[in-house]
Structures are given as structure tokens and as C-alpha cells.
PDB file of N, CA and C in Angstrom:
ATOM      1  N   UNK A   1     -37.303 170.041 107.029  1.00  0.00           N
ATOM      2  CA  UNK A   1     -38.168 168.966 107.048  1.00  0.00           C
ATOM      3  C   UNK A   1     -39.294 169.362 107.916  1.00  0.00           C
ATOM      4  N   UNK A   2     -40.580 169.116 107.419  1.00  0.00           N
ATOM      5  CA  UNK A   2     -41.801 169.286 108.221  1.00  0.00           C
ATOM      6  C   UNK A   2     -42.197 167.987 108.790  1.00  0.00           C
ATOM      7  N   UNK A   3     -42.395 167.978 110.043  1.00  0.00           N
ATOM      8  CA  UNK A   3     -42.901 166.667 110.678  1.00  0.00           C
ATOM      9  C   UNK A   3     -44.275 167.085 111.277  1.00  0.00           C
ATOM     10  N   UNK A   4     -45.368 166.156 110.976  1.00  0.00           N
ATOM     11  CA  UNK A   4     -46.595 166.309 111.529  1.00  0.00           C
ATOM     12  C   UNK A   4     -46.424 165.473 112.817  1.00  0.00           C
ATOM     13  N   UNK A   5     -47.023 166.034 113.930  1.00  0.00           N
ATOM     14  CA  UNK A   5     -46.835 165.373 115.211  1.00  0.00           C
ATOM     15  C   UNK A   5     -47.749 164.027 115.152  1.00  0.00           C
ATOM     16  N   UNK A   6     -47.191 162.986 115.788  1.00  0.00           N
ATOM     17  CA  UNK A   6     -47.847 161.756 115.891  1.00  0.00           C
ATOM     18  C   UNK A   6     -48.794 161.859 116.904  1.00  0.00           C
ATOM     19  N   UNK A   7     -49.978 161.074 116.811  1.00  0.00           N
ATOM     20  CA  UNK A   7     -50.987 161.018 117.911  1.00  0.00           C
ATOM     21  C   UNK A   7     -50.720 159.882 118.795  1.00  0.00           C
ATOM     22  N   UNK A   8     -50.722 160.194 120.103  1.00  0.00           N
ATOM     23  CA  UNK A   8     -50.356 158.961 120.967  1.00  0.00           C
ATOM     24  C   UNK A   8     -51.029 159.385 122.343  1.00  0.00           C
ATOM     25  N   UNK A   9     -51.754 158.501 122.957  1.00  0.00           N
ATOM     26  CA  UNK A   9     -52.347 158.751 124.179  1.00  0.00           C
ATOM     27  C   UNK A   9     -51.562 158.016 125.254  1.00  0.00           C
ATOM     28  N   UNK A  10     -51.460 158.739 126.438  1.00  0.00           N
ATOM     29  CA  UNK A  10     -50.652 158.127 127.526  1.00  0.00           C
ATOM     30  C   UNK A  10     -51.614 157.863 128.700  1.00  0.00           C
ATOM     31  N   UNK A  11     -51.168 156.799 129.398  1.00  0.00           N
ATOM     32  CA  UNK A  11     -51.789 156.496 130.747  1.00  0.00           C
ATOM     33  C   UNK A  11     -50.792 156.821 131.882  1.00  0.00           C
ATOM     34  N   UNK A  12     -51.320 157.578 132.728  1.00  0.00           N
ATOM     35  CA  UNK A  12     -50.369 157.852 133.923  1.00  0.00           C
ATOM     36  C   UNK A  12     -51.072 157.206 135.292  1.00  0.00           C
ATOM     37  N   UNK A  13     -50.336 156.351 135.830  1.00  0.00           N
ATOM     38  CA  UNK A  13     -50.952 155.790 137.089  1.00  0.00           C
ATOM     39  C   UNK A  13     -50.529 156.527 138.323  1.00  0.00           C
ATOM     40  N   UNK A  14     -51.494 157.298 138.907  1.00  0.00           N
ATOM     41  CA  UNK A  14     -51.264 158.165 140.048  1.00  0.00           C
ATOM     42  C   UNK A  14     -50.473 157.310 141.184  1.00  0.00           C
ATOM     43  N   UNK A  15     -49.351 157.780 141.684  1.00  0.00           N
ATOM     44  CA  UNK A  15     -48.657 157.180 142.700  1.00  0.00           C
ATOM     45  C   UNK A  15     -47.593 156.134 142.082  1.00  0.00           C
ATOM     46  N   UNK A  16     -47.374 156.008 140.795  1.00  0.00           N
ATOM     47  CA  UNK A  16     -46.466 155.114 140.289  1.00  0.00           C
ATOM     48  C   UNK A  16     -45.630 155.936 139.322  1.00  0.00           C
ATOM     49  N   UNK A  17     -44.407 155.357 139.175  1.00  0.00           N
ATOM     50  CA  UNK A  17     -43.457 156.060 138.232  1.00  0.00           C
ATOM     51  C   UNK A  17     -43.908 156.090 136.782  1.00  0.00           C
ATOM     52  N   UNK A  18     -43.944 157.146 136.067  1.00  0.00           N
ATOM     53  CA  UNK A  18     -44.244 157.236 134.733  1.00  0.00           C
ATOM     54  C   UNK A  18     -42.980 157.161 133.855  1.00  0.00           C
ATOM     55  N   UNK A  19     -42.918 156.177 133.001  1.00  0.00           N
ATOM     56  CA  UNK A  19     -41.703 156.053 132.249  1.00  0.00           C
ATOM     57  C   UNK A  19     -42.118 155.517 130.828  1.00  0.00           C
ATOM     58  N   UNK A  20     -41.700 156.262 129.800  1.00  0.00           N
ATOM     59  CA  UNK A  20     -41.870 155.943 128.396  1.00  0.00           C
ATOM     60  C   UNK A  20     -40.748 156.294 127.564  1.00  0.00           C
ATOM     61  N   UNK A  21     -40.618 155.537 126.511  1.00  0.00           N
ATOM     62  CA  UNK A  21     -39.467 155.842 125.604  1.00  0.00           C
ATOM     63  C   UNK A  21     -40.079 155.963 124.132  1.00  0.00           C
ATOM     64  N   UNK A  22     -39.709 157.102 123.515  1.00  0.00           N
ATOM     65  CA  UNK A  22     -40.147 157.244 122.106  1.00  0.00           C
ATOM     66  C   UNK A  22     -38.950 157.406 121.276  1.00  0.00           C
ATOM     67  N   UNK A  23     -39.072 156.905 120.059  1.00  0.00           N
ATOM     68  CA  UNK A  23     -37.927 156.919 119.102  1.00  0.00           C
ATOM     69  C   UNK A  23     -38.415 157.831 117.956  1.00  0.00           C
ATOM     70  N   UNK A  24     -37.555 158.715 117.485  1.00  0.00           N
ATOM     71  CA  UNK A  24     -37.853 159.613 116.417  1.00  0.00           C
ATOM     72  C   UNK A  24     -37.027 159.110 115.150  1.00  0.00           C
ATOM     73  N   UNK A  25     -37.759 158.756 114.255  1.00  0.00           N
ATOM     74  CA  UNK A  25     -37.102 158.253 113.000  1.00  0.00           C
ATOM     75  C   UNK A  25     -37.633 159.053 111.790  1.00  0.00           C
ATOM     76  N   UNK A  26     -36.766 159.060 110.751  1.00  0.00           N
ATOM     77  CA  UNK A  26     -37.265 159.726 109.478  1.00  0.00           C
ATOM     78  C   UNK A  26     -38.090 158.733 108.626  1.00  0.00           C
ATOM     79  N   UNK A  27     -38.577 159.141 107.486  1.00  0.00           N
ATOM     80  CA  UNK A  27     -39.508 158.289 106.653  1.00  0.00           C
ATOM     81  C   UNK A  27     -38.893 157.024 106.248  1.00  0.00           C
ATOM     82  N   UNK A  28     -37.587 156.872 106.431  1.00  0.00           N
ATOM     83  CA  UNK A  28     -36.813 155.767 105.832  1.00  0.00           C
ATOM     84  C   UNK A  28     -36.508 154.755 107.212  1.00  0.00           C
ATOM     85  N   UNK A  29     -36.941 155.174 108.309  1.00  0.00           N
ATOM     86  CA  UNK A  29     -36.788 154.385 109.456  1.00  0.00           C
ATOM     87  C   UNK A  29     -35.347 154.675 110.044  1.00  0.00           C
ATOM     88  N   UNK A  30     -34.628 155.760 109.768  1.00  0.00           N
ATOM     89  CA  UNK A  30     -33.352 156.029 110.223  1.00  0.00           C
ATOM     90  C   UNK A  30     -33.631 157.077 111.395  1.00  0.00           C
ATOM     91  N   UNK A  31     -32.938 156.760 112.526  1.00  0.00           N
ATOM     92  CA  UNK A  31     -33.030 157.532 113.793  1.00  0.00           C
ATOM     93  C   UNK A  31     -32.591 159.101 113.437  1.00  0.00           C
ATOM     94  N   UNK A  32     -33.280 159.934 113.993  1.00  0.00           N
ATOM     95  CA  UNK A  32     -32.962 161.403 113.813  1.00  0.00           C
ATOM     96  C   UNK A  32     -32.038 161.719 115.042  1.00  0.00           C
ATOM     97  N   UNK A  33     -30.886 162.250 114.714  1.00  0.00           N
ATOM     98  CA  UNK A  33     -29.899 162.525 115.739  1.00  0.00           C
ATOM     99  C   UNK A  33     -30.291 163.753 116.571  1.00  0.00           C
ATOM    100  N   UNK A  34     -30.476 163.482 117.846  1.00  0.00           N
ATOM    101  CA  UNK A  34     -31.006 164.511 118.761  1.00  0.00           C
ATOM    102  C   UNK A  34     -29.844 165.315 119.641  1.00  0.00           C
ATOM    103  N   UNK A  35     -28.564 165.143 119.041  1.00  0.00           N
ATOM    104  CA  UNK A  35     -27.422 165.777 119.734  1.00  0.00           C
ATOM    105  C   UNK A  35     -27.770 167.408 119.732  1.00  0.00           C
ATOM    106  N   UNK A  36     -27.557 167.955 120.835  1.00  0.00           N
ATOM    107  CA  UNK A  36     -27.705 169.472 120.770  1.00  0.00           C
ATOM    108  C   UNK A  36     -29.160 169.852 121.041  1.00  0.00           C
ATOM    109  N   UNK A  37     -30.130 168.899 121.003  1.00  0.00           N
ATOM    110  CA  UNK A  37     -31.550 169.340 121.143  1.00  0.00           C
ATOM    111  C   UNK A  37     -31.810 169.391 122.557  1.00  0.00           C
ATOM    112  N   UNK A  38     -33.028 170.136 123.017  1.00  0.00           N
ATOM    113  CA  UNK A  38     -33.661 169.999 124.254  1.00  0.00           C
ATOM    114  C   UNK A  38     -35.031 169.645 124.041  1.00  0.00           C
ATOM    115  N   UNK A  39     -35.808 169.355 125.056  1.00  0.00           N
ATOM    116  CA  UNK A  39     -37.122 168.883 124.961  1.00  0.00           C
ATOM    117  C   UNK A  39     -38.062 169.342 126.087  1.00  0.00           C
ATOM    118  N   UNK A  40     -39.369 169.527 125.811  1.00  0.00           N
ATOM    119  CA  UNK A  40     -40.327 170.053 126.733  1.00  0.00           C
ATOM    120  C   UNK A  40     -41.637 169.318 126.598  1.00  0.00           C
ATOM    121  N   UNK A  41     -42.378 169.064 127.733  1.00  0.00           N
ATOM    122  CA  UNK A  41     -43.673 168.469 127.520  1.00  0.00           C
ATOM    123  C   UNK A  41     -44.444 168.852 128.754  1.00  0.00           C
ATOM    124  N   UNK A  42     -45.773 169.430 128.341  1.00  0.00           N
ATOM    125  CA  UNK A  42     -46.713 169.883 129.395  1.00  0.00           C
ATOM    126  C   UNK A  42     -47.833 168.913 129.409  1.00  0.00           C
ATOM    127  N   UNK A  43     -48.443 168.550 130.424  1.00  0.00           N
ATOM    128  CA  UNK A  43     -49.700 167.894 130.480  1.00  0.00           C
ATOM    129  C   UNK A  43     -50.633 168.835 131.260  1.00  0.00           C
ATOM    130  N   UNK A  44     -51.832 169.165 130.724  1.00  0.00           N
ATOM    131  CA  UNK A  44     -52.896 170.167 131.340  1.00  0.00           C
ATOM    132  C   UNK A  44     -54.238 169.526 131.311  1.00  0.00           C
ATOM    133  N   UNK A  45     -55.035 169.982 132.134  1.00  0.00           N
ATOM    134  CA  UNK A  45     -56.408 169.476 132.341  1.00  0.00           C
ATOM    135  C   UNK A  45     -57.150 169.807 131.020  1.00  0.00           C
ATOM    136  N   UNK A  46     -56.918 170.967 130.484  1.00  0.00           N
ATOM    137  CA  UNK A  46     -57.576 171.326 129.234  1.00  0.00           C
ATOM    138  C   UNK A  46     -56.578 172.062 128.431  1.00  0.00           C
ATOM    139  N   UNK A  47     -56.828 172.283 127.161  1.00  0.00           N
ATOM    140  CA  UNK A  47     -55.916 173.079 126.262  1.00  0.00           C
ATOM    141  C   UNK A  47     -55.840 174.448 126.784  1.00  0.00           C
ATOM    142  N   UNK A  48     -56.943 174.991 127.331  1.00  0.00           N
ATOM    143  CA  UNK A  48     -56.973 176.411 127.884  1.00  0.00           C
ATOM    144  C   UNK A  48     -56.413 176.536 129.239  1.00  0.00           C
ATOM    145  N   UNK A  49     -56.137 175.394 130.017  1.00  0.00           N
ATOM    146  CA  UNK A  49     -55.632 175.533 131.372  1.00  0.00           C
ATOM    147  C   UNK A  49     -54.241 176.333 131.422  1.00  0.00           C
ATOM    148  N   UNK A  50     -54.196 177.233 132.277  1.00  0.00           N
ATOM    149  CA  UNK A  50     -53.008 177.985 132.379  1.00  0.00           C
ATOM    150  C   UNK A  50     -51.752 177.312 133.072  1.00  0.00           C
ATOM    151  N   UNK A  51     -52.070 176.390 133.971  1.00  0.00           N
ATOM    152  CA  UNK A  51     -50.897 175.678 134.638  1.00  0.00           C
ATOM    153  C   UNK A  51     -51.003 174.166 134.400  1.00  0.00           C
ATOM    154  N   UNK A  52     -49.865 173.633 133.928  1.00  0.00           N
ATOM    155  CA  UNK A  52     -49.788 172.252 133.696  1.00  0.00           C
ATOM    156  C   UNK A  52     -49.782 171.410 134.963  1.00  0.00           C
ATOM    157  N   UNK A  53     -50.409 170.246 135.006  1.00  0.00           N
ATOM    158  CA  UNK A  53     -50.272 169.350 136.214  1.00  0.00           C
ATOM    159  C   UNK A  53     -49.068 168.494 136.179  1.00  0.00           C
ATOM    160  N   UNK A  54     -48.451 168.479 135.061  1.00  0.00           N
ATOM    161  CA  UNK A  54     -47.130 167.781 135.023  1.00  0.00           C
ATOM    162  C   UNK A  54     -46.227 168.422 133.948  1.00  0.00           C
ATOM    163  N   UNK A  55     -45.011 168.785 134.274  1.00  0.00           N
ATOM    164  CA  UNK A  55     -44.061 169.483 133.421  1.00  0.00           C
ATOM    165  C   UNK A  55     -42.829 168.564 133.323  1.00  0.00           C
ATOM    166  N   UNK A  56     -42.409 168.086 132.080  1.00  0.00           N
ATOM    167  CA  UNK A  56     -41.162 167.407 131.934  1.00  0.00           C
ATOM    168  C   UNK A  56     -40.354 168.107 130.847  1.00  0.00           C
ATOM    169  N   UNK A  57     -39.029 168.235 131.297  1.00  0.00           N
ATOM    170  CA  UNK A  57     -38.093 168.884 130.384  1.00  0.00           C
ATOM    171  C   UNK A  57     -36.740 168.310 130.523  1.00  0.00           C
ATOM    172  N   UNK A  58     -35.879 168.654 129.595  1.00  0.00           N
ATOM    173  CA  UNK A  58     -34.474 167.997 129.693  1.00  0.00           C
ATOM    174  C   UNK A  58     -33.836 168.838 130.932  1.00  0.00           C
ATOM    175  N   UNK A  59     -34.261 170.058 131.114  1.00  0.00           N
ATOM    176  CA  UNK A  59     -33.589 170.864 132.165  1.00  0.00           C
ATOM    177  C   UNK A  59     -34.078 170.310 133.541  1.00  0.00           C
ATOM    178  N   UNK A  60     -35.306 169.793 133.802  1.00  0.00           N
ATOM    179  CA  UNK A  60     -35.670 169.360 135.138  1.00  0.00           C
ATOM    180  C   UNK A  60     -35.463 167.857 135.331  1.00  0.00           C
ATOM    181  N   UNK A  61     -34.807 167.120 134.296  1.00  0.00           N
ATOM    182  CA  UNK A  61     -34.558 165.643 134.338  1.00  0.00           C
ATOM    183  C   UNK A  61     -35.667 164.814 134.063  1.00  0.00           C
ATOM    184  N   UNK A  62     -36.801 165.393 133.545  1.00  0.00           N
ATOM    185  CA  UNK A  62     -37.949 164.563 133.241  1.00  0.00           C
ATOM    186  C   UNK A  62     -38.028 163.994 131.792  1.00  0.00           C
ATOM    187  N   UNK A  63     -36.968 164.544 130.990  1.00  0.00           N
ATOM    188  CA  UNK A  63     -36.742 164.064 129.596  1.00  0.00           C
ATOM    189  C   UNK A  63     -35.241 163.871 129.451  1.00  0.00           C
ATOM    190  N   UNK A  64     -34.873 162.675 128.874  1.00  0.00           N
ATOM    191  CA  UNK A  64     -33.481 162.432 128.500  1.00  0.00           C
ATOM    192  C   UNK A  64     -33.502 162.116 126.987  1.00  0.00           C
ATOM    193  N   UNK A  65     -32.671 162.726 126.376  1.00  0.00           N
ATOM    194  CA  UNK A  65     -32.473 162.525 124.885  1.00  0.00           C
ATOM    195  C   UNK A  65     -31.319 161.582 124.648  1.00  0.00           C
ATOM    196  N   UNK A  66     -31.491 160.635 123.593  1.00  0.00           N
ATOM    197  CA  UNK A  66     -30.529 159.656 123.280  1.00  0.00           C
ATOM    198  C   UNK A  66     -29.610 159.998 122.100  1.00  0.00           C
ATOM    199  N   UNK A  67     -29.339 161.188 121.881  1.00  0.00           N
ATOM    200  CA  UNK A  67     -28.389 161.635 120.868  1.00  0.00           C
ATOM    201  C   UNK A  67     -28.736 160.974 119.450  1.00  0.00           C
ATOM    202  N   UNK A  68     -27.676 160.299 118.908  1.00  0.00           N
ATOM    203  CA  UNK A  68     -27.784 159.603 117.645  1.00  0.00           C
ATOM    204  C   UNK A  68     -28.783 158.521 117.512  1.00  0.00           C
ATOM    205  N   UNK A  69     -29.089 158.006 118.712  1.00  0.00           N
ATOM    206  CA  UNK A  69     -30.069 156.801 118.710  1.00  0.00           C
ATOM    207  C   UNK A  69     -31.581 157.339 118.471  1.00  0.00           C
ATOM    208  N   UNK A  70     -31.718 158.753 118.651  1.00  0.00           N
ATOM    209  CA  UNK A  70     -33.106 159.394 118.369  1.00  0.00           C
ATOM    210  C   UNK A  70     -34.027 158.981 119.419  1.00  0.00           C
ATOM    211  N   UNK A  71     -33.685 158.615 120.559  1.00  0.00           N
ATOM    212  CA  UNK A  71     -34.601 158.228 121.719  1.00  0.00           C
ATOM    213  C   UNK A  71     -34.855 159.454 122.554  1.00  0.00           C
ATOM    214  N   UNK A  72     -36.217 159.399 123.095  1.00  0.00           N
ATOM    215  CA  UNK A  72     -36.631 160.499 123.973  1.00  0.00           C
ATOM    216  C   UNK A  72     -37.277 159.587 125.140  1.00  0.00           C
ATOM    217  N   UNK A  73     -36.680 159.697 126.303  1.00  0.00           N
ATOM    218  CA  UNK A  73     -37.114 158.994 127.504  1.00  0.00           C
ATOM    219  C   UNK A  73     -37.727 160.017 128.420  1.00  0.00           C
ATOM    220  N   UNK A  74     -39.026 159.679 128.733  1.00  0.00           N
ATOM    221  CA  UNK A  74     -39.875 160.564 129.622  1.00  0.00           C
ATOM    222  C   UNK A  74     -39.942 159.789 130.950  1.00  0.00           C
ATOM    223  N   UNK A  75     -39.750 160.579 132.071  1.00  0.00           N
ATOM    224  CA  UNK A  75     -39.790 160.068 133.345  1.00  0.00           C
ATOM    225  C   UNK A  75     -40.376 161.076 134.334  1.00  0.00           C
ATOM    226  N   UNK A  76     -41.396 160.536 135.126  1.00  0.00           N
ATOM    227  CA  UNK A  76     -41.882 161.271 136.242  1.00  0.00           C
ATOM    228  C   UNK A  76     -41.844 160.369 137.451  1.00  0.00           C
ATOM    229  N   UNK A  77     -41.420 161.006 138.580  1.00  0.00           N
ATOM    230  CA  UNK A  77     -41.372 160.169 139.810  1.00  0.00           C
ATOM    231  C   UNK A  77     -42.839 159.751 140.352  1.00  0.00           C
ATOM    232  N   UNK A  78     -42.834 158.673 141.193  1.00  0.00           N
ATOM    233  CA  UNK A  78     -44.127 158.334 141.836  1.00  0.00           C
ATOM    234  C   UNK A  78     -44.659 159.556 142.709  1.00  0.00           C
ATOM    235  N   UNK A  79     -43.619 160.276 143.311  1.00  0.00           N
ATOM    236  CA  UNK A  79     -44.133 161.421 143.986  1.00  0.00           C
ATOM    237  C   UNK A  79     -44.842 162.492 143.174  1.00  0.00           C
ATOM    238  N   UNK A  80     -44.241 162.691 141.964  1.00  0.00           N
ATOM    239  CA  UNK A  80     -44.848 163.717 140.984  1.00  0.00           C
ATOM    240  C   UNK A  80     -46.143 163.184 140.560  1.00  0.00           C
ATOM    241  N   UNK A  81     -46.346 161.908 140.273  1.00  0.00           N
ATOM    242  CA  UNK A  81     -47.700 161.455 139.760  1.00  0.00           C
ATOM    243  C   UNK A  81     -48.635 161.438 140.915  1.00  0.00           C
ATOM    244  N   UNK A  82     -48.236 161.309 142.188  1.00  0.00           N
ATOM    245  CA  UNK A  82     -49.120 161.268 143.250  1.00  0.00           C
ATOM    246  C   UNK A  82     -49.798 162.577 143.476  1.00  0.00           C
ATOM    247  N   UNK A  83     -49.113 163.691 142.993  1.00  0.00           N
ATOM    248  CA  UNK A  83     -49.519 164.988 143.150  1.00  0.00           C
ATOM    249  C   UNK A  83     -50.542 165.529 142.118  1.00  0.00           C
ATOM    250  N   UNK A  84     -50.879 164.606 141.099  1.00  0.00           N
ATOM    251  CA  UNK A  84     -51.746 165.067 140.118  1.00  0.00           C
ATOM    252  C   UNK A  84     -53.197 164.784 140.485  1.00  0.00           C
ATOM    253  N   UNK A  85     -53.968 165.834 140.534  1.00  0.00           N
ATOM    254  CA  UNK A  85     -55.385 165.774 140.992  1.00  0.00           C
ATOM    255  C   UNK A  85     -56.267 165.634 139.738  1.00  0.00           C
ATOM    256  N   UNK A  86     -55.799 165.956 138.533  1.00  0.00           N
ATOM    257  CA  UNK A  86     -56.686 165.712 137.298  1.00  0.00           C
ATOM    258  C   UNK A  86     -56.946 164.233 137.039  1.00  0.00           C
ATOM    259  N   UNK A  87     -57.971 164.067 136.342  1.00  0.00           N
ATOM    260  CA  UNK A  87     -58.448 162.666 135.966  1.00  0.00           C
ATOM    261  C   UNK A  87     -58.078 162.473 134.439  1.00  0.00           C
ATOM    262  N   UNK A  88     -58.060 163.514 133.699  1.00  0.00           N
ATOM    263  CA  UNK A  88     -57.618 163.356 132.313  1.00  0.00           C
ATOM    264  C   UNK A  88     -56.972 164.729 131.827  1.00  0.00           C
ATOM    265  N   UNK A  89     -56.466 164.760 130.669  1.00  0.00           N
ATOM    266  CA  UNK A  89     -55.941 165.932 130.144  1.00  0.00           C
ATOM    267  C   UNK A  89     -55.319 165.873 128.714  1.00  0.00           C
ATOM    268  N   UNK A  90     -54.671 166.724 128.298  1.00  0.00           N
ATOM    269  CA  UNK A  90     -53.962 166.863 127.065  1.00  0.00           C
ATOM    270  C   UNK A  90     -52.484 167.096 127.224  1.00  0.00           C
ATOM    271  N   UNK A  91     -51.725 166.832 126.196  1.00  0.00           N
ATOM    272  CA  UNK A  91     -50.248 167.086 126.231  1.00  0.00           C
ATOM    273  C   UNK A  91     -49.717 167.295 124.884  1.00  0.00           C
ATOM    274  N   UNK A  92     -48.502 167.833 124.809  1.00  0.00           N
ATOM    275  CA  UNK A  92     -47.638 167.801 123.542  1.00  0.00           C
ATOM    276  C   UNK A  92     -46.216 167.635 124.033  1.00  0.00           C
ATOM    277  N   UNK A  93     -45.510 167.207 123.157  1.00  0.00           N
ATOM    278  CA  UNK A  93     -44.015 167.002 123.390  1.00  0.00           C
ATOM    279  C   UNK A  93     -43.303 167.705 122.293  1.00  0.00           C
ATOM    280  N   UNK A  94     -42.455 168.692 122.651  1.00  0.00           N
ATOM    281  CA  UNK A  94     -41.823 169.539 121.594  1.00  0.00           C
ATOM    282  C   UNK A  94     -40.248 169.359 121.849  1.00  0.00           C
ATOM    283  N   UNK A  95     -39.565 169.261 120.548  1.00  0.00           N
ATOM    284  CA  UNK A  95     -38.108 169.269 120.673  1.00  0.00           C
ATOM    285  C   UNK A  95     -37.551 170.481 120.008  1.00  0.00           C
ATOM    286  N   UNK A  96     -36.627 171.157 120.692  1.00  0.00           N
ATOM    287  CA  UNK A  96     -35.961 172.310 120.390  1.00  0.00           C
ATOM    288  C   UNK A  96     -34.639 172.009 119.820  1.00  0.00           C
ATOM    289  N   UNK A  97     -34.385 172.384 118.608  1.00  0.00           N
ATOM    290  CA  UNK A  97     -33.002 172.170 117.960  1.00  0.00           C
ATOM    291  C   UNK A  97     -31.926 173.114 118.631  1.00  0.00           C
ATOM    292  N   UNK A  98     -30.710 172.705 118.391  1.00  0.00           N
ATOM    293  CA  UNK A  98     -29.637 173.408 119.047  1.00  0.00           C
ATOM    294  C   UNK A  98     -29.537 174.868 118.754  1.00  0.00           C
ATOM    295  N   UNK A  99     -30.299 175.347 117.665  1.00  0.00           N
ATOM    296  CA  UNK A  99     -30.267 176.779 117.349  1.00  0.00           C
ATOM    297  C   UNK A  99     -31.089 177.573 118.216  1.00  0.00           C
ATOM    298  N   UNK A 100     -32.018 176.814 119.132  1.00  0.00           N
ATOM    299  CA  UNK A 100     -32.833 177.388 120.031  1.00  0.00           C
ATOM    300  C   UNK A 100     -34.214 178.047 119.397  1.00  0.00           C
ATOM    301  N   UNK A 101     -34.260 178.001 118.036  1.00  0.00           N
ATOM    302  CA  UNK A 101     -35.229 178.597 117.410  1.00  0.00           C
ATOM    303  C   UNK A 101     -36.335 177.607 116.753  1.00  0.00           C
ATOM    304  N   UNK A 102     -35.758 176.621 116.138  1.00  0.00           N
ATOM    305  CA  UNK A 102     -36.486 175.451 115.374  1.00  0.00           C
ATOM    306  C   UNK A 102     -37.170 174.584 116.516  1.00  0.00           C
ATOM    307  N   UNK A 103     -38.501 174.550 116.512  1.00  0.00           N
ATOM    308  CA  UNK A 103     -39.126 173.607 117.417  1.00  0.00           C
ATOM    309  C   UNK A 103     -40.022 172.816 116.579  1.00  0.00           C
ATOM    310  N   UNK A 104     -39.969 171.437 116.940  1.00  0.00           N
ATOM    311  CA  UNK A 104     -40.701 170.485 116.333  1.00  0.00           C
ATOM    312  C   UNK A 104     -41.641 169.760 117.326  1.00  0.00           C
ATOM    313  N   UNK A 105     -43.011 169.846 117.019  1.00  0.00           N
ATOM    314  CA  UNK A 105     -43.920 169.003 117.944  1.00  0.00           C
ATOM    315  C   UNK A 105     -43.850 167.556 117.506  1.00  0.00           C
ATOM    316  N   UNK A 106     -43.300 166.851 118.419  1.00  0.00           N
ATOM    317  CA  UNK A 106     -43.126 165.381 117.942  1.00  0.00           C
ATOM    318  C   UNK A 106     -44.349 164.597 118.271  1.00  0.00           C
ATOM    319  N   UNK A 107     -45.049 164.749 119.502  1.00  0.00           N
ATOM    320  CA  UNK A 107     -46.172 163.959 119.784  1.00  0.00           C
ATOM    321  C   UNK A 107     -47.236 164.830 120.264  1.00  0.00           C
ATOM    322  N   UNK A 108     -48.413 164.457 120.387  1.00  0.00           N
ATOM    323  CA  UNK A 108     -49.607 165.175 120.949  1.00  0.00           C
ATOM    324  C   UNK A 108     -50.677 164.141 121.240  1.00  0.00           C
ATOM    325  N   UNK A 109     -51.474 164.406 122.236  1.00  0.00           N
ATOM    326  CA  UNK A 109     -52.628 163.498 122.474  1.00  0.00           C
ATOM    327  C   UNK A 109     -53.341 163.734 123.788  1.00  0.00           C
ATOM    328  N   UNK A 110     -53.960 162.687 124.298  1.00  0.00           N
ATOM    329  CA  UNK A 110     -54.672 162.669 125.513  1.00  0.00           C
ATOM    330  C   UNK A 110     -53.912 161.990 126.532  1.00  0.00           C
ATOM    331  N   UNK A 111     -54.201 162.310 127.804  1.00  0.00           N
ATOM    332  CA  UNK A 111     -53.678 161.802 128.955  1.00  0.00           C
ATOM    333  C   UNK A 111     -54.811 161.248 129.870  1.00  0.00           C
ATOM    334  N   UNK A 112     -54.834 159.988 130.222  1.00  0.00           N
ATOM    335  CA  UNK A 112     -55.748 159.473 131.205  1.00  0.00           C
ATOM    336  C   UNK A 112     -55.022 159.309 132.598  1.00  0.00           C
ATOM    337  N   UNK A 113     -55.552 159.742 133.524  1.00  0.00           N
ATOM    338  CA  UNK A 113     -54.918 159.548 134.970  1.00  0.00           C
ATOM    339  C   UNK A 113     -55.765 158.400 135.658  1.00  0.00           C
ATOM    340  N   UNK A 114     -55.084 157.305 135.981  1.00  0.00           N
ATOM    341  CA  UNK A 114     -55.636 156.286 136.674  1.00  0.00           C
ATOM    342  C   UNK A 114     -55.456 156.564 138.282  1.00  0.00           C
ATOM    343  N   UNK A 115     -56.667 156.513 138.976  1.00  0.00           N
ATOM    344  CA  UNK A 115     -56.468 156.785 140.433  1.00  0.00           C
ATOM    345  C   UNK A 115     -55.686 155.678 141.209  1.00  0.00           C
ATOM    346  N   UNK A 116     -55.146 156.039 142.278  1.00  0.00           N
ATOM    347  CA  UNK A 116     -54.358 155.231 143.140  1.00  0.00           C
ATOM    348  C   UNK A 116     -55.165 154.603 144.134  1.00  0.00           C
ATOM    349  N   UNK A 117     -55.135 153.211 144.174  1.00  0.00           N
ATOM    350  CA  UNK A 117     -56.000 152.642 145.358  1.00  0.00           C
ATOM    351  C   UNK A 117     -55.172 152.369 146.564  1.00  0.00           C
ATOM    352  N   UNK A 118     -53.909 151.870 146.239  1.00  0.00           N
ATOM    353  CA  UNK A 118     -52.974 151.574 147.422  1.00  0.00           C
ATOM    354  C   UNK A 118     -52.171 152.859 147.712  1.00  0.00           C
ATOM    355  N   UNK A 119     -52.425 153.380 148.994  1.00  0.00           N
ATOM    356  CA  UNK A 119     -51.522 154.667 149.260  1.00  0.00           C
ATOM    357  C   UNK A 119     -51.142 154.646 150.752  1.00  0.00           C
TER     358      UNK A 119
END
């Protein structure tokens, strides 16, 4: 199954918890079972930037997968978003199948970082 990544833009509020939930469904609206998958997401200033300003993975606790429900929960702590110096950037979200070889880019888009006034 070839999946074209959905385009979605995120807003990250510096100094606040970033929390989003995505559901992956097939063309008939049926949830894709994510059992055995891992996931990774990088946010970078530019496509060419060598270092991400935010990295979320299933291994670091920034992404939780909902198995048969097909949900992908993204989470970055307020401390992590406070450390972001960028004002905007790009990202993509990839899911890696249990075989460790098959990678699906589920989402991609722009990130806008809103500055923190209360600190």
C-alpha cells in the first residue's frame, strides 16, 4: 500500500506542552493497526538543517502508538518547547513497520513556533 503523506501544519507554543493526536486510517476509514510499529519525527529550522530543534520518537517517549486504534500521540514537555529557539520550521512524521525496513511518511508540513510571554 502506497501512502502519500498528508499535509498538516503544527503550532508549537514555546514553554507549553505540545500534544497532538493523529489517526491513521485506510481509504475506507478503517484504522490501520500500528502494533509492532515504531515512529519518529524531526522538526528542523530548514530542510537542510543538520540538527533538529525537536525530536520525538517512540523510544524517547515523545510518540505513543495506539495499536489497533491506529492512533499516534505526539508529546513534548513544556521544558522541551522552552528550549526551542527557532521561530518556524519543517517536519515529517515517519512510521516504521515491525520489519524495520518499511517506512511510511504519514505527515509532513510546516511548524510555527509562538514565542512565550509568560516566563
